Amino acid sequence: MKIMGTCLFYFVGIGNIQHYPQGKRLLSKAMLEQHSQEAIALILAGVRKA
């Protein structure tokens, strides 16, 4: 359930990020890579504790 919630959080978040100022590149390759790594770390931490 936690993994599904995390995925949903990021799916909904990507839509919300589009409303941020256009001058910032929040969807750049580097930013997406950082978010992906953080999401993976969060999921792995939850799996290891379960």
N, C-alpha and C. Protein backbone atom coordinates (compact mmCIF):
# COMPACT_ATOMS: atom_id res chain seq x y z
N MET A 1 0.82 -1.19 0.00
CA MET A 1 0.00 0.00 0.00
C MET A 1 0.87 1.26 0.00
N LYS A 2 1.98 1.21 0.74
CA LYS A 2 2.85 2.39 0.80
C LYS A 2 3.49 2.67 -0.55
N ILE A 3 3.86 1.60 -1.26
CA ILE A 3 4.48 1.80 -2.58
C ILE A 3 3.48 2.43 -3.53
N MET A 4 2.25 1.97 -3.49
CA MET A 4 1.22 2.53 -4.35
C MET A 4 0.96 4.01 -4.01
N GLY A 5 0.96 4.32 -2.72
CA GLY A 5 0.76 5.70 -2.29
C GLY A 5 1.89 6.60 -2.75
N THR A 6 3.11 6.09 -2.69
CA THR A 6 4.26 6.87 -3.14
C THR A 6 4.18 7.14 -4.63
N CYS A 7 3.83 6.12 -5.39
CA CYS A 7 3.70 6.29 -6.84
C CYS A 7 2.60 7.30 -7.17
N LEU A 8 1.48 7.20 -6.47
CA LEU A 8 0.38 8.13 -6.69
C LEU A 8 0.79 9.55 -6.32
N PHE A 9 1.52 9.69 -5.22
CA PHE A 9 2.00 11.00 -4.79
C PHE A 9 2.83 11.65 -5.89
N TYR A 10 3.75 10.90 -6.48
CA TYR A 10 4.59 11.46 -7.54
C TYR A 10 3.80 11.70 -8.82
N PHE A 11 2.83 10.86 -9.12
CA PHE A 11 2.00 11.05 -10.32
C PHE A 11 1.19 12.33 -10.20
N VAL A 12 0.58 12.54 -9.04
CA VAL A 12 -0.19 13.76 -8.82
C VAL A 12 0.74 14.97 -8.74
N GLY A 13 1.89 14.77 -8.10
CA GLY A 13 2.84 15.86 -7.96
C GLY A 13 3.35 16.40 -9.27
N ILE A 14 3.53 15.54 -10.25
CA ILE A 14 4.03 15.99 -11.55
C ILE A 14 3.05 16.98 -12.19
N GLY A 15 1.77 16.76 -11.97
CA GLY A 15 0.78 17.71 -12.47
C GLY A 15 0.84 19.03 -11.74
N ASN A 16 1.08 18.97 -10.44
CA ASN A 16 1.17 20.20 -9.65
C ASN A 16 2.43 20.99 -9.95
N ILE A 17 3.51 20.30 -10.26
CA ILE A 17 4.78 20.97 -10.56
C ILE A 17 4.64 21.86 -11.79
N GLN A 18 3.77 21.50 -12.70
CA GLN A 18 3.62 22.27 -13.93
C GLN A 18 3.08 23.67 -13.66
N HIS A 19 2.57 23.92 -12.46
CA HIS A 19 2.02 25.23 -12.13
C HIS A 19 3.06 26.16 -11.50
N TYR A 20 4.28 25.68 -11.31
CA TYR A 20 5.35 26.51 -10.75
C TYR A 20 5.83 27.50 -11.79
N PRO A 21 6.58 28.52 -11.36
CA PRO A 21 7.08 29.53 -12.31
C PRO A 21 7.80 28.90 -13.50
N GLN A 22 7.57 29.46 -14.66
CA GLN A 22 8.13 28.89 -15.89
C GLN A 22 9.64 29.09 -15.99
N GLY A 23 10.22 30.02 -15.23
CA GLY A 23 11.64 30.27 -15.30
C GLY A 23 12.48 29.14 -14.73
N LYS A 24 11.89 28.31 -13.90
CA LYS A 24 12.63 27.20 -13.29
C LYS A 24 12.40 25.93 -14.09
N ARG A 25 13.44 25.14 -14.22
CA ARG A 25 13.34 23.88 -14.96
C ARG A 25 13.19 22.73 -13.97
N LEU A 26 12.01 22.62 -13.40
CA LEU A 26 11.76 21.59 -12.40
C LEU A 26 11.65 20.20 -13.01
N LEU A 27 11.47 20.14 -14.31
CA LEU A 27 11.36 18.84 -14.98
C LEU A 27 12.59 18.54 -15.82
N SER A 28 13.69 19.16 -15.47
CA SER A 28 14.93 18.89 -16.19
C SER A 28 15.38 17.46 -15.91
N LYS A 29 16.26 16.98 -16.74
CA LYS A 29 16.73 15.60 -16.59
C LYS A 29 17.39 15.38 -15.23
N ALA A 30 18.18 16.35 -14.78
CA ALA A 30 18.86 16.24 -13.48
C ALA A 30 17.85 16.23 -12.34
N MET A 31 16.83 17.07 -12.42
CA MET A 31 15.82 17.15 -11.36
C MET A 31 15.00 15.86 -11.32
N LEU A 32 14.62 15.35 -12.47
CA LEU A 32 13.86 14.10 -12.50
C LEU A 32 14.68 12.93 -11.97
N GLU A 33 15.97 12.91 -12.28
CA GLU A 33 16.85 11.86 -11.77
C GLU A 33 16.93 11.93 -10.25
N GLN A 34 17.06 13.13 -9.71
CA GLN A 34 17.14 13.30 -8.26
C GLN A 34 15.85 12.83 -7.60
N HIS A 35 14.71 13.22 -8.15
CA HIS A 35 13.42 12.80 -7.58
C HIS A 35 13.25 11.29 -7.68
N SER A 36 13.69 10.71 -8.79
CA SER A 36 13.59 9.26 -8.94
C SER A 36 14.41 8.53 -7.89
N GLN A 37 15.62 9.00 -7.65
CA GLN A 37 16.49 8.37 -6.66
C GLN A 37 15.91 8.52 -5.25
N GLU A 38 15.32 9.68 -4.96
CA GLU A 38 14.71 9.88 -3.64
C GLU A 38 13.49 8.98 -3.46
N ALA A 39 12.70 8.82 -4.51
CA ALA A 39 11.53 7.94 -4.43
C ALA A 39 11.95 6.50 -4.22
N ILE A 40 12.98 6.07 -4.93
CA ILE A 40 13.48 4.69 -4.77
C ILE A 40 14.00 4.48 -3.35
N ALA A 41 14.74 5.45 -2.83
CA ALA A 41 15.27 5.33 -1.47
C ALA A 41 14.13 5.26 -0.46
N LEU A 42 13.09 6.04 -0.65
CA LEU A 42 11.94 6.03 0.25
C LEU A 42 11.23 4.69 0.22
N ILE A 43 11.04 4.15 -0.96
CA ILE A 43 10.37 2.85 -1.11
C ILE A 43 11.21 1.75 -0.50
N LEU A 44 12.51 1.74 -0.77
CA LEU A 44 13.39 0.71 -0.20
C LEU A 44 13.44 0.79 1.31
N ALA A 45 13.42 1.99 1.87
CA ALA A 45 13.42 2.13 3.32
C ALA A 45 12.15 1.53 3.91
N GLY A 46 11.02 1.74 3.24
CA GLY A 46 9.76 1.16 3.71
C GLY A 46 9.73 -0.35 3.60
N VAL A 47 10.30 -0.88 2.52
CA VAL A 47 10.32 -2.33 2.32
C VAL A 47 11.23 -3.00 3.35
N ARG A 48 12.34 -2.39 3.64
CA ARG A 48 13.29 -2.96 4.60
C ARG A 48 12.73 -2.99 6.01
N LYS A 49 11.87 -2.02 6.36
CA LYS A 49 11.30 -1.97 7.70
C LYS A 49 10.10 -2.89 7.85
N ALA A 50 9.50 -3.26 6.73
CA ALA A 50 8.27 -4.07 6.76
C ALA A 50 8.56 -5.53 7.05
